[in-house]
């Protein structure tokens, strides 16, 4: 299978697979960091609300 520019798909397949795996891992890491930061923001918001009640 060849593209118009002469690339051989089978030669590019390992590279495509590696970049796909790295992309999926990066998306997973970003998701976990976002989840963690959302949790921290929620805790901070609760602390601020409790401080407002004290005053």
PDB file of N, CA and C in Angstrom:
ATOM      1  N   UNK A   1       0.844  -1.187   0.000  1.00  0.00           N
ATOM      2  CA  UNK A   1       0.000   0.000   0.000  1.00  0.00           C
ATOM      3  C   UNK A   1       0.883   1.241   0.000  1.00  0.00           C
ATOM      4  N   UNK A   2       0.750   2.081  -0.973  1.00  0.00           N
ATOM      5  CA  UNK A   2       1.584   3.281  -1.042  1.00  0.00           C
ATOM      6  C   UNK A   2       0.719   4.530  -1.166  1.00  0.00           C
ATOM      7  N   UNK A   3       1.219   5.589  -0.545  1.00  0.00           N
ATOM      8  CA  UNK A   3       0.542   6.874  -0.670  1.00  0.00           C
ATOM      9  C   UNK A   3       0.978   7.563  -1.957  1.00  0.00           C
ATOM     10  N   UNK A   4       0.364   8.675  -2.258  1.00  0.00           N
ATOM     11  CA  UNK A   4       0.688   9.436  -3.470  1.00  0.00           C
ATOM     12  C   UNK A   4       2.140   9.917  -3.427  1.00  0.00           C
ATOM     13  N   UNK A   5       2.617  10.307  -2.241  1.00  0.00           N
ATOM     14  CA  UNK A   5       3.972  10.846  -2.124  1.00  0.00           C
ATOM     15  C   UNK A   5       5.030   9.751  -2.098  1.00  0.00           C
ATOM     16  N   UNK A   6       4.622   8.491  -2.082  1.00  0.00           N
ATOM     17  CA  UNK A   6       5.583   7.394  -2.107  1.00  0.00           C
ATOM     18  C   UNK A   6       5.916   6.829  -0.736  1.00  0.00           C
ATOM     19  N   UNK A   7       5.177   7.227   0.298  1.00  0.00           N
ATOM     20  CA  UNK A   7       5.409   6.653   1.623  1.00  0.00           C
ATOM     21  C   UNK A   7       4.915   5.217   1.647  1.00  0.00           C
ATOM     22  N   UNK A   8       5.659   4.363   2.301  1.00  0.00           N
ATOM     23  CA  UNK A   8       5.228   2.983   2.460  1.00  0.00           C
ATOM     24  C   UNK A   8       4.531   2.878   3.818  1.00  0.00           C
ATOM     25  N   UNK A   9       3.276   2.503   3.826  1.00  0.00           N
ATOM     26  CA  UNK A   9       2.478   2.466   5.050  1.00  0.00           C
ATOM     27  C   UNK A   9       3.054   1.484   6.065  1.00  0.00           C
ATOM     28  N   UNK A  10       3.563   0.353   5.597  1.00  0.00           N
ATOM     29  CA  UNK A  10       4.081  -0.656   6.521  1.00  0.00           C
ATOM     30  C   UNK A  10       5.358  -0.175   7.213  1.00  0.00           C
ATOM     31  N   UNK A  11       6.130   0.680   6.557  1.00  0.00           N
ATOM     32  CA  UNK A  11       7.327   1.228   7.205  1.00  0.00           C
ATOM     33  C   UNK A  11       6.944   2.235   8.284  1.00  0.00           C
ATOM     34  N   UNK A  12       5.860   2.939   8.071  1.00  0.00           N
ATOM     35  CA  UNK A  12       5.435   3.962   9.031  1.00  0.00           C
ATOM     36  C   UNK A  12       4.608   3.391  10.180  1.00  0.00           C
ATOM     37  N   UNK A  13       4.124   2.165  10.037  1.00  0.00           N
ATOM     38  CA  UNK A  13       3.211   1.599  11.031  1.00  0.00           C
ATOM     39  C   UNK A  13       3.787   1.595  12.456  1.00  0.00           C
ATOM     40  N   UNK A  14       5.040   1.127  12.688  1.00  0.00           N
ATOM     41  CA  UNK A  14       5.566   1.161  14.074  1.00  0.00           C
ATOM     42  C   UNK A  14       5.599   2.576  14.651  1.00  0.00           C
ATOM     43  N   UNK A  15       5.964   3.544  13.840  1.00  0.00           N
ATOM     44  CA  UNK A  15       6.003   4.934  14.303  1.00  0.00           C
ATOM     45  C   UNK A  15       4.605   5.420  14.651  1.00  0.00           C
ATOM     46  N   UNK A  16       3.645   5.095  13.807  1.00  0.00           N
ATOM     47  CA  UNK A  16       2.259   5.502  14.056  1.00  0.00           C
ATOM     48  C   UNK A  16       1.754   4.878  15.353  1.00  0.00           C
ATOM     49  N   UNK A  17       2.077   3.610  15.578  1.00  0.00           N
ATOM     50  CA  UNK A  17       1.634   2.921  16.798  1.00  0.00           C
ATOM     51  C   UNK A  17       2.261   3.569  18.029  1.00  0.00           C
ATOM     52  N   UNK A  18       3.566   3.852  17.973  1.00  0.00           N
ATOM     53  CA  UNK A  18       4.256   4.465  19.117  1.00  0.00           C
ATOM     54  C   UNK A  18       3.654   5.831  19.439  1.00  0.00           C
ATOM     55  N   UNK A  19       3.458   6.657  18.413  1.00  0.00           N
ATOM     56  CA  UNK A  19       2.881   7.981  18.659  1.00  0.00           C
ATOM     57  C   UNK A  19       1.441   7.893  19.157  1.00  0.00           C
ATOM     58  N   UNK A  20       0.704   6.903  18.701  1.00  0.00           N
ATOM     59  CA  UNK A  20      -0.669   6.720  19.186  1.00  0.00           C
ATOM     60  C   UNK A  20      -0.669   6.373  20.667  1.00  0.00           C
ATOM     61  N   UNK A  21       0.221   5.458  21.062  1.00  0.00           N
ATOM     62  CA  UNK A  21       0.311   5.064  22.474  1.00  0.00           C
ATOM     63  C   UNK A  21       0.731   6.259  23.326  1.00  0.00           C
ATOM     64  N   UNK A  22       1.731   7.018  22.851  1.00  0.00           N
ATOM     65  CA  UNK A  22       2.167   8.193  23.609  1.00  0.00           C
ATOM     66  C   UNK A  22       1.056   9.231  23.732  1.00  0.00           C
ATOM     67  N   UNK A  23       0.270   9.392  22.698  1.00  0.00           N
ATOM     68  CA  UNK A  23      -0.842  10.343  22.742  1.00  0.00           C
ATOM     69  C   UNK A  23      -1.885   9.913  23.763  1.00  0.00           C
ATOM     70  N   UNK A  24      -2.199   8.619  23.770  1.00  0.00           N
ATOM     71  CA  UNK A  24      -3.183   8.108  24.731  1.00  0.00           C
ATOM     72  C   UNK A  24      -2.674   8.285  26.155  1.00  0.00           C
ATOM     73  N   UNK A  25      -1.385   8.001  26.379  1.00  0.00           N
ATOM     74  CA  UNK A  25      -0.810   8.188  27.711  1.00  0.00           C
ATOM     75  C   UNK A  25      -0.847   9.660  28.123  1.00  0.00           C
ATOM     76  N   UNK A  26      -0.527  10.551  27.205  1.00  0.00           N
ATOM     77  CA  UNK A  26      -0.537  11.984  27.519  1.00  0.00           C
ATOM     78  C   UNK A  26      -1.942  12.448  27.880  1.00  0.00           C
ATOM     79  N   UNK A  27      -2.931  11.980  27.137  1.00  0.00           N
ATOM     80  CA  UNK A  27      -4.320  12.340  27.435  1.00  0.00           C
ATOM     81  C   UNK A  27      -4.709  11.820  28.818  1.00  0.00           C
ATOM     82  N   UNK A  28      -4.275  10.604  29.153  1.00  0.00           N
ATOM     83  CA  UNK A  28      -4.560  10.031  30.468  1.00  0.00           C
ATOM     84  C   UNK A  28      -3.936  10.845  31.587  1.00  0.00           C
ATOM     85  N   UNK A  29      -2.681  11.254  31.397  1.00  0.00           N
ATOM     86  CA  UNK A  29      -1.991  12.049  32.417  1.00  0.00           C
ATOM     87  C   UNK A  29      -2.678  13.399  32.595  1.00  0.00           C
ATOM     88  N   UNK A  30      -3.042  14.039  31.495  1.00  0.00           N
ATOM     89  CA  UNK A  30      -3.739  15.329  31.571  1.00  0.00           C
ATOM     90  C   UNK A  30      -5.069  15.170  32.302  1.00  0.00           C
ATOM     91  N   UNK A  31      -5.793  14.085  32.010  1.00  0.00           N
ATOM     92  CA  UNK A  31      -7.076  13.832  32.674  1.00  0.00           C
ATOM     93  C   UNK A  31      -6.877  13.665  34.179  1.00  0.00           C
ATOM     94  N   UNK A  32      -5.854  12.876  34.573  1.00  0.00           N
ATOM     95  CA  UNK A  32      -5.612  12.657  35.998  1.00  0.00           C
ATOM     96  C   UNK A  32      -5.206  13.952  36.702  1.00  0.00           C
ATOM     97  N   UNK A  33      -4.356  14.760  36.056  1.00  0.00           N
ATOM     98  CA  UNK A  33      -3.951  16.029  36.664  1.00  0.00           C
ATOM     99  C   UNK A  33      -5.138  16.973  36.808  1.00  0.00           C
ATOM    100  N   UNK A  34      -6.012  16.997  35.808  1.00  0.00           N
ATOM    101  CA  UNK A  34      -7.201  17.850  35.871  1.00  0.00           C
ATOM    102  C   UNK A  34      -8.118  17.396  36.997  1.00  0.00           C
ATOM    103  N   UNK A  35      -8.283  16.080  37.126  1.00  0.00           N
ATOM    104  CA  UNK A  35      -9.126  15.534  38.183  1.00  0.00           C
ATOM    105  C   UNK A  35      -8.569  15.915  39.557  1.00  0.00           C
ATOM    106  N   UNK A  36      -7.227  15.815  39.703  1.00  0.00           N
ATOM    107  CA  UNK A  36      -6.585  16.155  40.969  1.00  0.00           C
ATOM    108  C   UNK A  36      -6.746  17.644  41.272  1.00  0.00           C
ATOM    109  N   UNK A  37      -6.542  18.498  40.263  1.00  0.00           N
ATOM    110  CA  UNK A  37      -6.652  19.937  40.501  1.00  0.00           C
ATOM    111  C   UNK A  37      -8.095  20.326  40.812  1.00  0.00           C
ATOM    112  N   UNK A  38      -9.069  19.667  40.162  1.00  0.00           N
ATOM    113  CA  UNK A  38     -10.474  19.935  40.475  1.00  0.00           C
ATOM    114  C   UNK A  38     -10.775  19.586  41.929  1.00  0.00           C
ATOM    115  N   UNK A  39     -10.216  18.469  42.389  1.00  0.00           N
ATOM    116  CA  UNK A  39     -10.426  18.040  43.769  1.00  0.00           C
ATOM    117  C   UNK A  39      -9.812  19.057  44.733  1.00  0.00           C
ATOM    118  N   UNK A  40      -8.589  19.514  44.420  1.00  0.00           N
ATOM    119  CA  UNK A  40      -7.932  20.496  45.280  1.00  0.00           C
ATOM    120  C   UNK A  40      -8.695  21.819  45.297  1.00  0.00           C
ATOM    121  N   UNK A  41      -9.214  22.238  44.149  1.00  0.00           N
ATOM    122  CA  UNK A  41      -9.998  23.473  44.101  1.00  0.00           C
ATOM    123  C   UNK A  41     -11.263  23.351  44.936  1.00  0.00           C
ATOM    124  N   UNK A  42     -11.882  22.183  44.899  1.00  0.00           N
ATOM    125  CA  UNK A  42     -13.097  21.959  45.682  1.00  0.00           C
ATOM    126  C   UNK A  42     -12.783  22.034  47.178  1.00  0.00           C
ATOM    127  N   UNK A  43     -11.658  21.409  47.588  1.00  0.00           N
ATOM    128  CA  UNK A  43     -11.266  21.457  48.995  1.00  0.00           C
ATOM    129  C   UNK A  43     -10.963  22.889  49.424  1.00  0.00           C
ATOM    130  N   UNK A  44     -10.278  23.634  48.559  1.00  0.00           N
ATOM    131  CA  UNK A  44      -9.949  25.021  48.870  1.00  0.00           C
ATOM    132  C   UNK A  44     -11.216  25.861  49.000  1.00  0.00           C
ATOM    133  N   UNK A  45     -12.172  25.617  48.123  1.00  0.00           N
ATOM    134  CA  UNK A  45     -13.444  26.333  48.163  1.00  0.00           C
ATOM    135  C   UNK A  45     -14.181  26.037  49.468  1.00  0.00           C
ATOM    136  N   UNK A  46     -14.157  24.769  49.897  1.00  0.00           N
ATOM    137  CA  UNK A  46     -14.815  24.403  51.157  1.00  0.00           C
ATOM    138  C   UNK A  46     -14.137  25.084  52.337  1.00  0.00           C
ATOM    139  N   UNK A  47     -12.793  25.183  52.302  1.00  0.00           N
ATOM    140  CA  UNK A  47     -12.075  25.863  53.378  1.00  0.00           C
ATOM    141  C   UNK A  47     -12.457  27.339  53.423  1.00  0.00           C
ATOM    142  N   UNK A  48     -12.551  27.955  52.258  1.00  0.00           N
ATOM    143  CA  UNK A  48     -12.922  29.371  52.207  1.00  0.00           C
ATOM    144  C   UNK A  48     -14.331  29.580  52.759  1.00  0.00           C
ATOM    145  N   UNK A  49     -15.248  28.692  52.421  1.00  0.00           N
ATOM    146  CA  UNK A  49     -16.615  28.807  52.926  1.00  0.00           C
ATOM    147  C   UNK A  49     -16.650  28.642  54.437  1.00  0.00           C
ATOM    148  N   UNK A  50     -15.854  27.696  54.967  1.00  0.00           N
ATOM    149  CA  UNK A  50     -15.846  27.491  56.417  1.00  0.00           C
ATOM    150  C   UNK A  50     -15.223  28.700  57.117  1.00  0.00           C
ATOM    151  N   UNK A  51     -14.235  29.332  56.489  1.00  0.00           N
ATOM    152  CA  UNK A  51     -13.645  30.547  57.066  1.00  0.00           C
ATOM    153  C   UNK A  51     -14.648  31.693  57.055  1.00  0.00           C
ATOM    154  N   UNK A  52     -15.474  31.770  56.038  1.00  0.00           N
ATOM    155  CA  UNK A  52     -16.496  32.816  55.972  1.00  0.00           C
ATOM    156  C   UNK A  52     -17.535  32.633  57.077  1.00  0.00           C
ATOM    157  N   UNK A  53     -17.855  31.391  57.400  1.00  0.00           N
ATOM    158  CA  UNK A  53     -18.851  31.122  58.447  1.00  0.00           C
ATOM    159  C   UNK A  53     -18.326  31.516  59.819  1.00  0.00           C
ATOM    160  N   UNK A  54     -17.013  31.363  60.025  1.00  0.00           N
ATOM    161  CA  UNK A  54     -16.417  31.687  61.324  1.00  0.00           C
ATOM    162  C   UNK A  54     -16.500  33.184  61.592  1.00  0.00           C
ATOM    163  N   UNK A  55     -16.283  33.999  60.573  1.00  0.00           N
ATOM    164  CA  UNK A  55     -16.257  35.463  60.756  1.00  0.00           C
ATOM    165  C   UNK A  55     -17.604  36.046  60.970  1.00  0.00           C
TER     166      UNK A  55
END
